[in-house]
Amino acid sequence: MPAIFFLQQSKNKNMKNSLVGLFLAFSTTAFAQQTVTEQFQKIATVQEAQQFIDANAALKPALLHLSSGKDSSLIDKRLLRQKKGDIFSVGYVTYKVLEATEIIAFRASYIFLDGSTLTMPQIDSLRKLIVQKASAGASFEQLSDQYTMDGNNTHGDTGWFFGPEMLPKEFQDAVQNHKTGEIFFVDVSEKQWHYIVKKTYDDQDKKDMTVLRANGR
């Protein structure tokens, strides 16, 4: 009897130890499980986001590509106000902004006068004449067709532009600093380029971003 009693006691002790070990292992796993926000904090690139998506299908993760003016739902508008790296939750869904680019685009009409062909007095005289005609009601597009010296076939319309790689910095800065409808002059002196410009549209602020979303917080 004593031997059987001690054997039974030993089995009970081993079972108890096993249960304790199993509980500790489960607890460690539970505490080690990261929240969605904690996981998002470690994700910095679209490639890392895709790896997260592939490994966590149960969270219904996805990459969102948003553009201002195109995406207009309330959550899209809220996302577009964020900046790169921001993480926030709405209800039980968490978002992280992975990429965000913002540009301001401008649009104007112009008349180009070539300083390598005309003298400055001639340019000043033409400027005065053209502004007088525009003020009297002449179409700026028609004036551009009549007087521009760069052979453009757009009636002087620049289209939407941003950055000095599209038009000279002096041109962009001047358009940015004037109001829609105003006529003004721009000189790029080192290249002998001279412009009569009319700003035709309000500045357009455009923002594009890539966002990672997943269920959970």
C-alpha atoms as a PDB file:
ATOM      1  CA  MET A   1       0.000   0.000   0.000  1.00  0.00           C
ATOM      2  CA  PRO A   2       2.645   2.603   0.854  1.00  0.00           C
ATOM      3  CA  ALA A   3       4.445   1.953  -2.453  1.00  0.00           C
ATOM      4  CA  ILE A   4       1.217   2.319  -4.437  1.00  0.00           C
ATOM      5  CA  PHE A   5       0.337   5.480  -2.486  1.00  0.00           C
ATOM      6  CA  PHE A   6       3.691   7.117  -3.209  1.00  0.00           C
ATOM      7  CA  LEU A   7       3.466   6.067  -6.884  1.00  0.00           C
ATOM      8  CA  GLN A   8       0.008   7.640  -7.182  1.00  0.00           C
ATOM      9  CA  GLN A   9       1.242  10.763  -5.409  1.00  0.00           C
ATOM     10  CA  SER A  10       4.159  11.012  -7.844  1.00  0.00           C
ATOM     11  CA  LYS A  11       1.811  10.706 -10.839  1.00  0.00           C
ATOM     12  CA  ASN A  12      -0.449  13.421  -9.441  1.00  0.00           C
ATOM     13  CA  LYS A  13       2.561  15.665  -8.903  1.00  0.00           C
ATOM     14  CA  ASN A  14       3.819  15.102 -12.447  1.00  0.00           C
ATOM     15  CA  MET A  15       0.357  15.815 -13.876  1.00  0.00           C
ATOM     16  CA  LYS A  16       0.145  18.976 -11.803  1.00  0.00           C
ATOM     17  CA  ASN A  17       3.548  20.107 -13.050  1.00  0.00           C
ATOM     18  CA  SER A  18       2.483  19.388 -16.631  1.00  0.00           C
ATOM     19  CA  LEU A  19      -0.666  21.440 -16.231  1.00  0.00           C
ATOM     20  CA  VAL A  20       1.285  24.298 -14.688  1.00  0.00           C
ATOM     21  CA  GLY A  21       3.788  24.174 -17.539  1.00  0.00           C
ATOM     22  CA  LEU A  22       1.005  24.115 -20.118  1.00  0.00           C
ATOM     23  CA  PHE A  23      -0.685  27.106 -18.435  1.00  0.00           C
ATOM     24  CA  LEU A  24       2.594  29.049 -18.345  1.00  0.00           C
ATOM     25  CA  ALA A  25       3.248  28.287 -22.008  1.00  0.00           C
ATOM     26  CA  PHE A  26      -0.255  29.427 -22.950  1.00  0.00           C
ATOM     27  CA  SER A  27       0.081  32.564 -20.854  1.00  0.00           C
ATOM     28  CA  THR A  28       3.443  33.414 -22.401  1.00  0.00           C
ATOM     29  CA  THR A  29       1.997  32.998 -25.894  1.00  0.00           C
ATOM     30  CA  ALA A  30      -1.031  35.111 -25.025  1.00  0.00           C
ATOM     31  CA  PHE A  31       1.045  37.920 -23.562  1.00  0.00           C
ATOM     32  CA  ALA A  32       3.526  37.729 -26.471  1.00  0.00           C
ATOM     33  CA  GLN A  33       0.729  38.153 -29.052  1.00  0.00           C
ATOM     34  CA  GLN A  34       1.140  41.654 -30.493  1.00  0.00           C
ATOM     35  CA  THR A  35      -1.770  43.954 -31.168  1.00  0.00           C
ATOM     36  CA  VAL A  36      -2.404  45.189 -34.697  1.00  0.00           C
ATOM     37  CA  THR A  37      -1.132  48.639 -33.699  1.00  0.00           C
ATOM     38  CA  GLU A  38       2.109  47.141 -32.327  1.00  0.00           C
ATOM     39  CA  GLN A  39       2.602  45.182 -35.544  1.00  0.00           C
ATOM     40  CA  PHE A  40       1.855  48.245 -37.653  1.00  0.00           C
ATOM     41  CA  GLN A  41       4.531  50.196 -35.768  1.00  0.00           C
ATOM     42  CA  LYS A  42       7.145  47.812 -37.196  1.00  0.00           C
ATOM     43  CA  ILE A  43       5.930  48.130 -40.803  1.00  0.00           C
ATOM     44  CA  ALA A  44       7.614  50.877 -42.823  1.00  0.00           C
ATOM     45  CA  THR A  45       7.346  49.883 -46.477  1.00  0.00           C
ATOM     46  CA  VAL A  46       4.757  48.586 -48.924  1.00  0.00           C
ATOM     47  CA  GLN A  47       6.765  45.366 -49.222  1.00  0.00           C
ATOM     48  CA  GLU A  48       6.610  44.793 -45.454  1.00  0.00           C
ATOM     49  CA  ALA A  49       2.894  45.597 -45.545  1.00  0.00           C
ATOM     50  CA  GLN A  50       2.363  42.944 -48.214  1.00  0.00           C
ATOM     51  CA  GLN A  51       4.181  40.385 -46.060  1.00  0.00           C
ATOM     52  CA  PHE A  52       1.847  41.274 -43.186  1.00  0.00           C
ATOM     53  CA  ILE A  53      -1.181  40.858 -45.478  1.00  0.00           C
ATOM     54  CA  ASP A  54       0.011  37.438 -46.664  1.00  0.00           C
ATOM     55  CA  ALA A  55       0.558  36.230 -43.087  1.00  0.00           C
ATOM     56  CA  ASN A  56      -2.631  37.606 -41.482  1.00  0.00           C
ATOM     57  CA  ALA A  57      -5.552  36.807 -43.764  1.00  0.00           C
ATOM     58  CA  ALA A  58      -7.898  36.478 -40.772  1.00  0.00           C
ATOM     59  CA  LEU A  59      -7.531  40.221 -40.073  1.00  0.00           C
ATOM     60  CA  LYS A  60      -8.768  41.022 -43.613  1.00  0.00           C
ATOM     61  CA  PRO A  61      -5.835  43.362 -44.301  1.00  0.00           C
ATOM     62  CA  ALA A  62      -5.598  45.433 -47.464  1.00  0.00           C
ATOM     63  CA  LEU A  63      -3.607  48.198 -49.120  1.00  0.00           C
ATOM     64  CA  LEU A  64      -5.580  51.322 -50.024  1.00  0.00           C
ATOM     65  CA  HIS A  65      -4.473  53.821 -52.675  1.00  0.00           C
ATOM     66  CA  LEU A  66      -6.143  57.205 -52.166  1.00  0.00           C
ATOM     67  CA  SER A  67      -6.115  60.529 -54.024  1.00  0.00           C
ATOM     68  CA  SER A  68      -7.586  63.838 -52.935  1.00  0.00           C
ATOM     69  CA  GLY A  69     -10.479  64.909 -55.132  1.00  0.00           C
ATOM     70  CA  LYS A  70     -11.058  61.320 -56.203  1.00  0.00           C
ATOM     71  CA  ASP A  71     -11.811  59.540 -52.923  1.00  0.00           C
ATOM     72  CA  SER A  72     -14.559  61.314 -51.036  1.00  0.00           C
ATOM     73  CA  SER A  73     -15.951  59.012 -48.347  1.00  0.00           C
ATOM     74  CA  LEU A  74     -15.654  60.280 -44.764  1.00  0.00           C
ATOM     75  CA  ILE A  75     -12.954  57.767 -43.842  1.00  0.00           C
ATOM     76  CA  ASP A  76     -11.023  58.539 -47.057  1.00  0.00           C
ATOM     77  CA  LYS A  77     -11.124  62.263 -46.254  1.00  0.00           C
ATOM     78  CA  ARG A  78      -9.886  61.569 -42.737  1.00  0.00           C
ATOM     79  CA  LEU A  79      -7.063  59.416 -44.059  1.00  0.00           C
ATOM     80  CA  LEU A  80      -6.034  62.104 -46.526  1.00  0.00           C
ATOM     81  CA  ARG A  81      -5.526  64.527 -43.625  1.00  0.00           C
ATOM     82  CA  GLN A  82      -2.911  62.240 -42.079  1.00  0.00           C
ATOM     83  CA  LYS A  83       0.815  62.215 -42.771  1.00  0.00           C
ATOM     84  CA  LYS A  84       3.287  59.458 -43.527  1.00  0.00           C
ATOM     85  CA  GLY A  85       3.786  57.102 -40.582  1.00  0.00           C
ATOM     86  CA  ASP A  86       0.523  57.967 -38.818  1.00  0.00           C
ATOM     87  CA  ILE A  87      -1.395  55.076 -37.201  1.00  0.00           C
ATOM     88  CA  PHE A  88      -4.958  55.412 -35.976  1.00  0.00           C
ATOM     89  CA  SER A  89      -8.061  53.311 -35.388  1.00  0.00           C
ATOM     90  CA  VAL A  90     -11.696  53.858 -36.272  1.00  0.00           C
ATOM     91  CA  GLY A  91     -13.953  51.427 -34.450  1.00  0.00           C
ATOM     92  CA  TYR A  92     -12.235  48.060 -34.672  1.00  0.00           C
ATOM     93  CA  VAL A  93     -10.220  48.850 -37.811  1.00  0.00           C
ATOM     94  CA  THR A  94      -6.644  50.168 -37.734  1.00  0.00           C
ATOM     95  CA  TYR A  95      -4.871  52.142 -40.449  1.00  0.00           C
ATOM     96  CA  LYS A  96      -1.260  53.113 -41.142  1.00  0.00           C
ATOM     97  CA  VAL A  97      -0.132  55.647 -43.751  1.00  0.00           C
ATOM     98  CA  LEU A  98       2.820  54.075 -45.563  1.00  0.00           C
ATOM     99  CA  GLU A  99       3.356  56.657 -48.294  1.00  0.00           C
ATOM    100  CA  ALA A 100       2.087  60.204 -48.739  1.00  0.00           C
ATOM    101  CA  THR A 101       2.982  62.725 -51.426  1.00  0.00           C
ATOM    102  CA  GLU A 102       1.522  66.190 -51.776  1.00  0.00           C
ATOM    103  CA  ILE A 103       1.905  68.625 -54.657  1.00  0.00           C
ATOM    104  CA  ILE A 104       0.424  71.992 -55.521  1.00  0.00           C
ATOM    105  CA  ALA A 105      -0.299  72.360 -59.227  1.00  0.00           C
ATOM    106  CA  PHE A 106      -0.765  75.638 -61.120  1.00  0.00           C
ATOM    107  CA  ARG A 107      -2.283  76.660 -64.417  1.00  0.00           C
ATOM    108  CA  ALA A 108      -1.946  79.809 -66.497  1.00  0.00           C
ATOM    109  CA  SER A 109      -1.821  81.193 -70.020  1.00  0.00           C
ATOM    110  CA  TYR A 110       1.245  82.987 -71.334  1.00  0.00           C
ATOM    111  CA  ILE A 111       2.802  84.942 -74.162  1.00  0.00           C
ATOM    112  CA  PHE A 112       6.522  84.344 -74.674  1.00  0.00           C
ATOM    113  CA  LEU A 113       8.804  87.140 -75.878  1.00  0.00           C
ATOM    114  CA  ASP A 114      12.322  86.184 -76.983  1.00  0.00           C
ATOM    115  CA  GLY A 115      14.985  88.477 -75.556  1.00  0.00           C
ATOM    116  CA  SER A 116      17.588  87.137 -77.957  1.00  0.00           C
ATOM    117  CA  THR A 117      15.568  88.586 -80.850  1.00  0.00           C
ATOM    118  CA  LEU A 118      13.949  91.662 -79.302  1.00  0.00           C
ATOM    119  CA  THR A 119      15.532  94.498 -77.343  1.00  0.00           C
ATOM    120  CA  MET A 120      14.210  95.333 -73.884  1.00  0.00           C
ATOM    121  CA  PRO A 121      12.559  98.550 -75.145  1.00  0.00           C
ATOM    122  CA  GLN A 122      10.752  96.478 -77.778  1.00  0.00           C
ATOM    123  CA  ILE A 123       9.697  93.937 -75.144  1.00  0.00           C
ATOM    124  CA  ASP A 124       8.431  96.673 -72.812  1.00  0.00           C
ATOM    125  CA  SER A 125       6.492  98.245 -75.675  1.00  0.00           C
ATOM    126  CA  LEU A 126       4.878  94.922 -76.598  1.00  0.00           C
ATOM    127  CA  ARG A 127       4.018  94.227 -72.962  1.00  0.00           C
ATOM    128  CA  LYS A 128       2.242  97.557 -72.678  1.00  0.00           C
ATOM    129  CA  LEU A 129       0.330  97.002 -75.924  1.00  0.00           C
ATOM    130  CA  ILE A 130      -0.758  93.459 -75.025  1.00  0.00           C
ATOM    131  CA  VAL A 131      -1.938  94.428 -71.532  1.00  0.00           C
ATOM    132  CA  GLN A 132      -3.908  97.336 -73.016  1.00  0.00           C
ATOM    133  CA  LYS A 133      -5.625  94.979 -75.482  1.00  0.00           C
ATOM    134  CA  ALA A 134      -6.383  92.430 -72.731  1.00  0.00           C
ATOM    135  CA  SER A 135      -7.806  95.170 -70.494  1.00  0.00           C
ATOM    136  CA  ALA A 136     -10.005  96.301 -73.392  1.00  0.00           C
ATOM    137  CA  GLY A 137     -11.538  92.820 -73.609  1.00  0.00           C
ATOM    138  CA  ALA A 138      -9.340  90.976 -76.105  1.00  0.00           C
ATOM    139  CA  SER A 139      -9.089  87.225 -75.491  1.00  0.00           C
ATOM    140  CA  PHE A 140      -5.763  86.326 -73.899  1.00  0.00           C
ATOM    141  CA  GLU A 141      -5.752  83.097 -75.922  1.00  0.00           C
ATOM    142  CA  GLN A 142      -6.035  85.084 -79.155  1.00  0.00           C
ATOM    143  CA  LEU A 143      -3.346  87.497 -78.003  1.00  0.00           C
ATOM    144  CA  SER A 144      -1.084  84.530 -77.301  1.00  0.00           C
ATOM    145  CA  ASP A 145      -1.703  83.127 -80.775  1.00  0.00           C
ATOM    146  CA  GLN A 146      -0.848  86.553 -82.228  1.00  0.00           C
ATOM    147  CA  TYR A 147       2.219  87.522 -80.218  1.00  0.00           C
ATOM    148  CA  THR A 148       3.906  84.493 -78.614  1.00  0.00           C
ATOM    149  CA  MET A 149       7.332  83.680 -80.041  1.00  0.00           C
ATOM    150  CA  ASP A 150       7.700  80.052 -78.966  1.00  0.00           C
ATOM    151  CA  GLY A 151       5.329  78.534 -81.543  1.00  0.00           C
ATOM    152  CA  ASN A 152       3.095  76.811 -78.987  1.00  0.00           C
ATOM    153  CA  ASN A 153      -0.197  75.407 -80.294  1.00  0.00           C
ATOM    154  CA  THR A 154      -2.101  75.500 -76.989  1.00  0.00           C
ATOM    155  CA  HIS A 155      -3.245  79.158 -77.193  1.00  0.00           C
ATOM    156  CA  GLY A 156      -0.737  79.788 -74.421  1.00  0.00           C
ATOM    157  CA  ASP A 157      -2.309  77.349 -71.946  1.00  0.00           C
ATOM    158  CA  THR A 158       0.328  75.756 -69.713  1.00  0.00           C
ATOM    159  CA  GLY A 159      -1.919  72.923 -68.562  1.00  0.00           C
ATOM    160  CA  TRP A 160      -1.515  71.879 -64.927  1.00  0.00           C
ATOM    161  CA  PHE A 161       2.136  72.108 -63.905  1.00  0.00           C
ATOM    162  CA  PHE A 162       4.289  71.775 -60.807  1.00  0.00           C
ATOM    163  CA  GLY A 163       8.014  71.807 -60.205  1.00  0.00           C
ATOM    164  CA  PRO A 164      10.792  73.697 -62.001  1.00  0.00           C
ATOM    165  CA  GLU A 165      11.378  70.734 -64.323  1.00  0.00           C
ATOM    166  CA  MET A 166       8.106  71.629 -66.090  1.00  0.00           C
ATOM    167  CA  LEU A 167       8.434  75.428 -66.256  1.00  0.00           C
ATOM    168  CA  PRO A 168      11.113  77.840 -64.972  1.00  0.00           C
ATOM    169  CA  LYS A 169      11.106  78.385 -61.205  1.00  0.00           C
ATOM    170  CA  GLU A 170      10.618  82.131 -61.727  1.00  0.00           C
ATOM    171  CA  PHE A 171       7.466  81.366 -63.713  1.00  0.00           C
ATOM    172  CA  GLN A 172       6.032  78.994 -61.087  1.00  0.00           C
ATOM    173  CA  ASP A 173       6.849  81.334 -58.185  1.00  0.00           C
ATOM    174  CA  ALA A 174       5.134  84.240 -59.935  1.00  0.00           C
ATOM    175  CA  VAL A 175       1.997  82.216 -60.713  1.00  0.00           C
ATOM    176  CA  GLN A 176       1.861  81.000 -57.121  1.00  0.00           C
ATOM    177  CA  ASN A 177       2.097  84.563 -55.799  1.00  0.00           C
ATOM    178  CA  HIS A 178      -0.720  85.957 -57.938  1.00  0.00           C
ATOM    179  CA  LYS A 179      -4.479  85.589 -57.877  1.00  0.00           C
ATOM    180  CA  THR A 180      -6.607  83.965 -60.547  1.00  0.00           C
ATOM    181  CA  GLY A 181      -7.369  86.420 -63.353  1.00  0.00           C
ATOM    182  CA  GLU A 182      -4.343  88.654 -62.775  1.00  0.00           C
ATOM    183  CA  ILE A 183      -1.948  89.506 -65.631  1.00  0.00           C
ATOM    184  CA  PHE A 184       1.726  89.959 -64.782  1.00  0.00           C
ATOM    185  CA  PHE A 185       5.247  89.747 -66.177  1.00  0.00           C
ATOM    186  CA  VAL A 186       7.932  87.104 -65.599  1.00  0.00           C
ATOM    187  CA  ASP A 187      11.578  87.504 -66.603  1.00  0.00           C
ATOM    188  CA  VAL A 188      14.132  84.684 -66.749  1.00  0.00           C
ATOM    189  CA  SER A 189      16.982  87.103 -67.316  1.00  0.00           C
ATOM    190  CA  GLU A 190      19.904  84.688 -67.708  1.00  0.00           C
ATOM    191  CA  LYS A 191      18.096  82.992 -70.608  1.00  0.00           C
ATOM    192  CA  GLN A 192      16.534  86.162 -72.036  1.00  0.00           C
ATOM    193  CA  TRP A 193      13.074  84.672 -71.674  1.00  0.00           C
ATOM    194  CA  HIS A 194      10.246  87.098 -71.001  1.00  0.00           C
ATOM    195  CA  TYR A 195       6.621  86.183 -70.339  1.00  0.00           C
ATOM    196  CA  ILE A 196       3.296  87.949 -70.101  1.00  0.00           C
ATOM    197  CA  VAL A 197       1.203  85.643 -67.908  1.00  0.00           C
ATOM    198  CA  LYS A 198      -2.443  85.376 -66.925  1.00  0.00           C
ATOM    199  CA  LYS A 199      -3.293  83.064 -64.042  1.00  0.00           C
ATOM    200  CA  THR A 200      -6.338  81.114 -65.210  1.00  0.00           C
ATOM    201  CA  TYR A 201      -7.121  78.676 -62.362  1.00  0.00           C
ATOM    202  CA  ASP A 202      -6.907  78.526 -58.577  1.00  0.00           C
ATOM    203  CA  ASP A 203      -4.036  76.410 -57.261  1.00  0.00           C
ATOM    204  CA  GLN A 204      -4.832  72.702 -57.050  1.00  0.00           C
ATOM    205  CA  ASP A 205      -3.647  70.857 -53.946  1.00  0.00           C
ATOM    206  CA  LYS A 206      -3.291  67.151 -54.692  1.00  0.00           C
ATOM    207  CA  LYS A 207      -2.393  64.432 -52.208  1.00  0.00           C
ATOM    208  CA  ASP A 208      -1.788  60.738 -52.941  1.00  0.00           C
ATOM    209  CA  MET A 209      -1.207  58.084 -50.313  1.00  0.00           C
ATOM    210  CA  THR A 210      -0.900  54.357 -49.711  1.00  0.00           C
ATOM    211  CA  VAL A 211      -2.530  53.059 -46.521  1.00  0.00           C
ATOM    212  CA  LEU A 212      -2.456  49.670 -44.805  1.00  0.00           C
ATOM    213  CA  ARG A 213      -5.698  48.662 -43.062  1.00  0.00           C
ATOM    214  CA  ALA A 214      -6.610  45.632 -40.950  1.00  0.00           C
ATOM    215  CA  ASN A 215      -9.257  44.543 -38.486  1.00  0.00           C
ATOM    216  CA  GLY A 216      -8.171  44.841 -34.860  1.00  0.00           C
ATOM    217  CA  ARG A 217      -6.552  47.465 -32.691  1.00  0.00           C
END
